[in-house]
């Protein structure tokens, strides 16, 4: 598969911001980049979160075009754009905002939009614009900065393809004669907690035995899998438990998602098994592949 030589930018915007979205798309096209992301309008189609996640994951970068309306909300109470931003951040995508404000400097009366703007400005790099000419300049500058890294991004994508091929072709291993000794651990997880249209990232500690982790990832270890894949599988296993704990610990909250296990702690568990020769690991490109001993 040939290396990708263009920048794929996911643009998040609302139907009310049609003039600004057209100008952003025009500048993206003039720069030789490719824009992604649909402007979801309930008159034509219902918001498809699975499709949105797929588009964000495929994109090289994420641009939040934030206007003067909060926009439609998800069942959890946050806007589509807010949810898309959080998802892009969870994938560690380069994220940038372009925020529109009135020429008279007056602020919005929508409390939800005020809170979103404050959160975005405290967490994300970006610019404020008043006129379309200003927006054009900001987009041009942003694309030039992103395009300097497009070759590096393409190399990363190629490495990922080779790693996935290596994982599929990794020889199947037999189970070891024994299993690692059971040890007590407090597994640290993070998740998004939604309450009244607001989102907060919270920690939770899950007491458990390490043999529970071993049983969960053993099928993947037999085939050989990257550390990210092993950790993602364990996050899926623990999602229901984390949700129940955080909903109980946060009265008034109504939803939990984005469960993530603390990366360094999970790595220490794998390293402990490796030191006792229950697993082995080899470098494959930018990742480490873990498997049962040969």
Protein backbone atom coordinates (compact mmCIF):
# COMPACT_ATOMS: atom_id res chain seq x y z
CA UNK A 1 0.00 0.00 0.00
CA UNK A 2 1.57 3.36 -1.01
CA UNK A 3 2.47 5.89 1.63
CA UNK A 4 -0.14 8.58 2.23
CA UNK A 5 1.14 11.94 0.98
CA UNK A 6 -1.71 14.17 2.08
CA UNK A 7 -3.00 15.49 5.36
CA UNK A 8 -6.44 14.21 6.43
CA UNK A 9 -8.16 16.72 8.74
CA UNK A 10 -11.36 16.00 10.64
CA UNK A 11 -13.37 19.23 10.96
CA UNK A 12 -16.05 19.37 13.65
CA UNK A 13 -18.76 21.99 13.06
CA UNK A 14 -22.51 22.69 13.30
CA UNK A 15 -25.07 23.42 10.55
CA UNK A 16 -25.37 27.01 11.85
CA UNK A 17 -21.72 27.65 10.94
CA UNK A 18 -22.07 26.95 7.21
CA UNK A 19 -20.12 30.02 6.04
CA UNK A 20 -17.20 29.32 8.36
CA UNK A 21 -17.20 25.61 7.47
CA UNK A 22 -17.13 26.40 3.75
CA UNK A 23 -14.14 28.70 4.23
CA UNK A 24 -12.28 26.06 6.27
CA UNK A 25 -13.02 23.39 3.65
CA UNK A 26 -11.88 25.76 0.89
CA UNK A 27 -8.57 26.46 2.60
CA UNK A 28 -8.05 22.75 3.27
CA UNK A 29 -8.58 22.00 -0.43
CA UNK A 30 -6.29 24.85 -1.54
CA UNK A 31 -3.55 23.48 0.70
CA UNK A 32 -3.76 20.07 -0.97
CA UNK A 33 -5.11 18.47 2.18
CA UNK A 34 -8.32 16.46 2.55
CA UNK A 35 -11.17 17.35 4.87
CA UNK A 36 -13.31 14.83 6.74
CA UNK A 37 -16.27 15.04 9.08
CA UNK A 38 -19.93 15.49 8.20
CA UNK A 39 -22.08 18.44 9.25
CA UNK A 40 -24.85 16.51 11.00
CA UNK A 41 -28.33 17.95 10.47
CA UNK A 42 -31.27 16.05 11.97
CA UNK A 43 -33.44 17.11 9.03
CA UNK A 44 -31.47 14.77 6.79
CA UNK A 45 -29.94 12.06 8.96
CA UNK A 46 -29.54 11.08 12.60
CA UNK A 47 -26.13 11.50 14.21
CA UNK A 48 -24.09 8.32 13.65
CA UNK A 49 -21.53 8.08 16.46
CA UNK A 50 -19.92 4.91 15.11
CA UNK A 51 -19.25 6.59 11.76
CA UNK A 52 -17.94 9.70 13.49
CA UNK A 53 -15.51 7.66 15.61
CA UNK A 54 -14.25 5.88 12.49
CA UNK A 55 -13.62 9.19 10.70
CA UNK A 56 -11.80 10.71 13.67
CA UNK A 57 -9.62 7.62 14.06
CA UNK A 58 -8.66 7.75 10.37
CA UNK A 59 -7.78 11.45 10.44
CA UNK A 60 -4.30 12.82 11.02
CA UNK A 61 -5.56 15.84 12.96
CA UNK A 62 -8.73 17.27 14.52
CA UNK A 63 -10.01 20.82 14.04
CA UNK A 64 -12.83 22.09 16.29
CA UNK A 65 -14.75 24.92 14.63
CA UNK A 66 -16.61 26.34 17.61
CA UNK A 67 -19.35 28.86 16.85
CA UNK A 68 -21.89 30.70 18.97
CA UNK A 69 -24.28 27.80 19.60
CA UNK A 70 -23.85 24.75 21.81
CA UNK A 71 -25.60 22.54 19.28
CA UNK A 72 -27.53 19.26 19.59
CA UNK A 73 -26.64 16.94 22.44
CA UNK A 74 -26.05 13.24 22.91
CA UNK A 75 -28.07 11.11 25.37
CA UNK A 76 -25.38 11.87 27.98
CA UNK A 77 -26.17 15.58 27.77
CA UNK A 78 -23.02 16.91 26.08
CA UNK A 79 -22.92 18.34 22.57
CA UNK A 80 -21.84 16.33 19.54
CA UNK A 81 -18.79 18.56 19.17
CA UNK A 82 -17.77 18.14 22.80
CA UNK A 83 -17.98 14.37 22.52
CA UNK A 84 -15.94 14.41 19.29
CA UNK A 85 -13.26 16.56 20.96
CA UNK A 86 -12.96 14.20 23.91
CA UNK A 87 -12.67 11.20 21.59
CA UNK A 88 -9.96 12.85 19.48
CA UNK A 89 -8.03 13.69 22.65
CA UNK A 90 -8.33 10.08 23.85
CA UNK A 91 -6.68 8.98 20.58
CA UNK A 92 -3.89 11.55 21.11
CA UNK A 93 -4.67 13.30 17.83
CA UNK A 94 -3.25 16.77 17.20
CA UNK A 95 -6.17 19.00 18.24
CA UNK A 96 -6.74 22.69 17.47
CA UNK A 97 -9.71 25.03 17.90
CA UNK A 98 -10.95 28.07 15.98
CA UNK A 99 -13.50 29.92 18.10
CA UNK A 100 -15.88 32.57 16.82
CA UNK A 101 -16.85 35.54 18.98
CA UNK A 102 -18.99 38.60 18.23
CA UNK A 103 -17.36 41.86 17.21
CA UNK A 104 -18.96 43.63 20.18
CA UNK A 105 -17.19 41.26 22.59
CA UNK A 106 -20.44 40.15 24.17
CA UNK A 107 -20.44 36.62 25.55
CA UNK A 108 -22.99 33.88 25.11
CA UNK A 109 -25.78 33.42 27.65
CA UNK A 110 -25.70 29.63 27.20
CA UNK A 111 -24.00 28.27 30.32
CA UNK A 112 -23.14 25.00 28.58
CA UNK A 113 -21.38 26.81 25.75
CA UNK A 114 -19.54 29.04 28.23
CA UNK A 115 -18.24 25.99 30.09
CA UNK A 116 -17.22 24.26 26.86
CA UNK A 117 -15.33 27.35 25.70
CA UNK A 118 -13.52 27.61 29.01
CA UNK A 119 -12.56 23.95 28.91
CA UNK A 120 -11.37 24.14 25.30
CA UNK A 121 -9.25 27.24 25.91
CA UNK A 122 -7.63 25.67 28.96
CA UNK A 123 -6.81 22.33 27.30
CA UNK A 124 -6.34 22.96 23.57
CA UNK A 125 -4.29 25.29 21.39
CA UNK A 126 -6.23 27.56 19.09
CA UNK A 127 -7.28 31.01 17.91
CA UNK A 128 -10.29 33.31 18.25
CA UNK A 129 -11.73 34.92 15.11
CA UNK A 130 -14.34 37.59 14.33
CA UNK A 131 -14.30 37.96 10.51
CA UNK A 132 -13.97 35.32 7.78
CA UNK A 133 -10.71 36.94 6.64
CA UNK A 134 -9.24 36.26 10.07
CA UNK A 135 -10.49 32.68 9.94
CA UNK A 136 -8.80 32.18 6.56
CA UNK A 137 -5.44 33.36 7.87
CA UNK A 138 -5.66 31.11 10.92
CA UNK A 139 -6.54 28.04 8.83
CA UNK A 140 -3.70 28.67 6.36
CA UNK A 141 -1.16 28.96 9.18
CA UNK A 142 -2.49 25.88 10.93
CA UNK A 143 -2.35 23.73 7.79
CA UNK A 144 1.21 24.81 7.04
CA UNK A 145 2.27 23.74 10.51
CA UNK A 146 0.47 20.41 10.26
CA UNK A 147 1.75 19.70 6.75
CA UNK A 148 5.35 19.86 7.96
CA UNK A 149 4.61 16.68 9.90
CA UNK A 150 2.58 14.84 7.26
CA UNK A 151 5.51 12.67 6.13
CA UNK A 152 6.19 11.63 9.71
CA UNK A 153 2.50 10.85 10.15
CA UNK A 154 2.59 8.72 6.99
CA UNK A 155 5.60 6.79 8.29
CA UNK A 156 3.77 6.13 11.56
CA UNK A 157 0.77 4.81 9.63
CA UNK A 158 3.00 2.53 7.55
CA UNK A 159 4.69 1.21 10.69
CA UNK A 160 1.27 0.48 12.18
CA UNK A 161 0.28 -1.51 9.09
CA UNK A 162 3.46 -3.59 9.29
CA UNK A 163 2.93 -4.20 13.01
CA UNK A 164 -0.64 -5.38 12.42
CA UNK A 165 0.61 -7.78 9.74
CA UNK A 166 3.29 -9.05 12.12
CA UNK A 167 0.68 -9.62 14.83
CA UNK A 168 -1.50 -11.67 12.47
CA UNK A 169 1.46 -13.79 11.33
CA UNK A 170 2.97 -14.28 14.79
CA UNK A 171 3.24 -18.03 15.45
CA UNK A 172 0.72 -19.53 17.85
CA UNK A 173 2.18 -20.49 21.23
CA UNK A 174 1.15 -23.21 23.60
CA UNK A 175 0.14 -22.41 27.15
CA UNK A 176 2.93 -22.47 29.77
CA UNK A 177 3.13 -25.31 32.24
CA UNK A 178 2.03 -22.98 35.04
CA UNK A 179 0.46 -19.61 35.61
CA UNK A 180 1.93 -16.59 37.37
CA UNK A 181 1.41 -16.50 41.15
CA UNK A 182 -1.63 -14.60 42.37
CA UNK A 183 -0.84 -11.15 43.69
CA UNK A 184 -3.07 -8.44 45.12
CA UNK A 185 -3.19 -5.25 43.09
CA UNK A 186 -5.18 -2.01 42.97
CA UNK A 187 -5.63 -1.42 39.26
CA UNK A 188 -5.98 2.28 38.48
CA UNK A 189 -8.50 3.25 35.80
CA UNK A 190 -9.78 6.56 34.44
CA UNK A 191 -13.11 7.33 32.78
CA UNK A 192 -15.34 10.19 31.66
CA UNK A 193 -18.21 10.89 34.07
CA UNK A 194 -21.17 12.90 32.76
CA UNK A 195 -23.40 15.01 34.98
CA UNK A 196 -25.88 17.68 33.91
CA UNK A 197 -24.25 18.16 30.52
CA UNK A 198 -20.75 18.47 31.99
CA UNK A 199 -17.88 16.03 31.68
CA UNK A 200 -15.15 15.23 34.22
CA UNK A 201 -12.27 12.75 34.01
CA UNK A 202 -12.10 10.69 37.22
CA UNK A 203 -9.88 7.99 38.70
CA UNK A 204 -11.00 4.75 40.32
CA UNK A 205 -8.99 2.00 42.03
CA UNK A 206 -10.10 -1.59 41.45
CA UNK A 207 -8.79 -4.16 43.96
CA UNK A 208 -8.21 -7.50 42.23
CA UNK A 209 -5.90 -10.47 41.82
CA UNK A 210 -3.36 -10.48 39.00
CA UNK A 211 -4.57 -13.91 37.87
CA UNK A 212 -7.79 -12.25 36.72
CA UNK A 213 -5.75 -10.12 34.33
CA UNK A 214 -3.81 -13.21 33.23
CA UNK A 215 -6.96 -15.17 32.39
CA UNK A 216 -8.36 -12.24 30.42
CA UNK A 217 -5.33 -11.67 28.19
CA UNK A 218 -4.16 -15.29 27.84
CA UNK A 219 -5.95 -15.88 24.48
CA UNK A 220 -4.17 -12.86 23.02
CA UNK A 221 -0.80 -13.93 24.45
CA UNK A 222 -1.15 -17.27 22.67
CA UNK A 223 -1.26 -15.41 19.34
CA UNK A 224 1.09 -12.58 20.20
CA UNK A 225 -0.23 -9.05 20.69
CA UNK A 226 1.01 -5.52 21.26
CA UNK A 227 0.87 -3.95 24.69
CA UNK A 228 -1.79 -1.50 23.50
CA UNK A 229 -3.97 -4.35 22.27
CA UNK A 230 -3.64 -6.24 25.55
CA UNK A 231 -4.46 -3.15 27.59
CA UNK A 232 -7.44 -2.24 25.38
CA UNK A 233 -8.85 -5.74 25.81
CA UNK A 234 -8.54 -5.44 29.59
CA UNK A 235 -10.25 -2.04 29.51
CA UNK A 236 -13.20 -3.59 27.69
CA UNK A 237 -13.39 -6.36 30.29
CA UNK A 238 -13.48 -3.83 33.15
CA UNK A 239 -15.80 -1.23 31.58
CA UNK A 240 -19.01 -2.43 33.26
CA UNK A 241 -17.34 -2.60 36.68
CA UNK A 242 -15.80 0.88 36.35
CA UNK A 243 -19.14 2.35 35.25
CA UNK A 244 -20.95 0.88 38.25
CA UNK A 245 -18.32 2.18 40.68
CA UNK A 246 -18.21 5.71 39.30
CA UNK A 247 -21.98 6.08 39.01
CA UNK A 248 -22.25 4.99 42.63
CA UNK A 249 -19.46 7.32 43.77
CA UNK A 250 -20.88 10.34 41.90
CA UNK A 251 -24.56 10.93 42.80
CA UNK A 252 -26.40 12.74 40.02
CA UNK A 253 -24.13 11.47 37.26
CA UNK A 254 -25.92 9.65 34.46
CA UNK A 255 -23.27 8.13 32.18
CA UNK A 256 -19.69 6.89 32.11
CA UNK A 257 -17.48 6.10 29.11
CA UNK A 258 -13.87 6.24 27.88
CA UNK A 259 -12.49 3.73 30.39
CA UNK A 260 -8.68 3.63 30.35
CA UNK A 261 -6.20 1.65 32.47
CA UNK A 262 -3.08 3.38 33.77
CA UNK A 263 -0.44 2.57 31.16
CA UNK A 264 2.66 2.34 33.37
CA UNK A 265 0.96 0.13 35.95
CA UNK A 266 -0.21 -2.31 33.28
CA UNK A 267 3.30 -2.39 31.85
CA UNK A 268 4.71 -3.28 35.28
CA UNK A 269 2.36 -6.27 35.44
CA UNK A 270 3.66 -7.47 32.06
CA UNK A 271 7.27 -6.85 33.10
CA UNK A 272 6.71 -8.90 36.26
CA UNK A 273 5.44 -11.86 34.23
CA UNK A 274 8.36 -11.45 31.85
CA UNK A 275 10.94 -11.50 34.67
CA UNK A 276 9.43 -14.80 35.85
CA UNK A 277 9.49 -16.15 32.26
CA UNK A 278 5.73 -16.57 31.92
CA UNK A 279 5.75 -14.24 28.89
CA UNK A 280 8.32 -12.90 26.45
CA UNK A 281 8.45 -9.80 24.30
CA UNK A 282 10.15 -8.70 21.09
CA UNK A 283 10.33 -5.35 19.33
CA UNK A 284 8.27 -5.04 16.13
CA UNK A 285 8.77 -1.59 14.65
CA UNK A 286 7.54 1.01 17.14
CA UNK A 287 5.75 -1.49 19.38
CA UNK A 288 6.55 -4.41 21.64
CA UNK A 289 4.81 -7.71 20.93
CA UNK A 290 4.06 -9.89 23.98
CA UNK A 291 3.49 -13.64 23.77
CA UNK A 292 3.86 -16.91 25.60
CA UNK A 293 7.41 -18.36 25.67
CA UNK A 294 8.51 -20.40 22.70
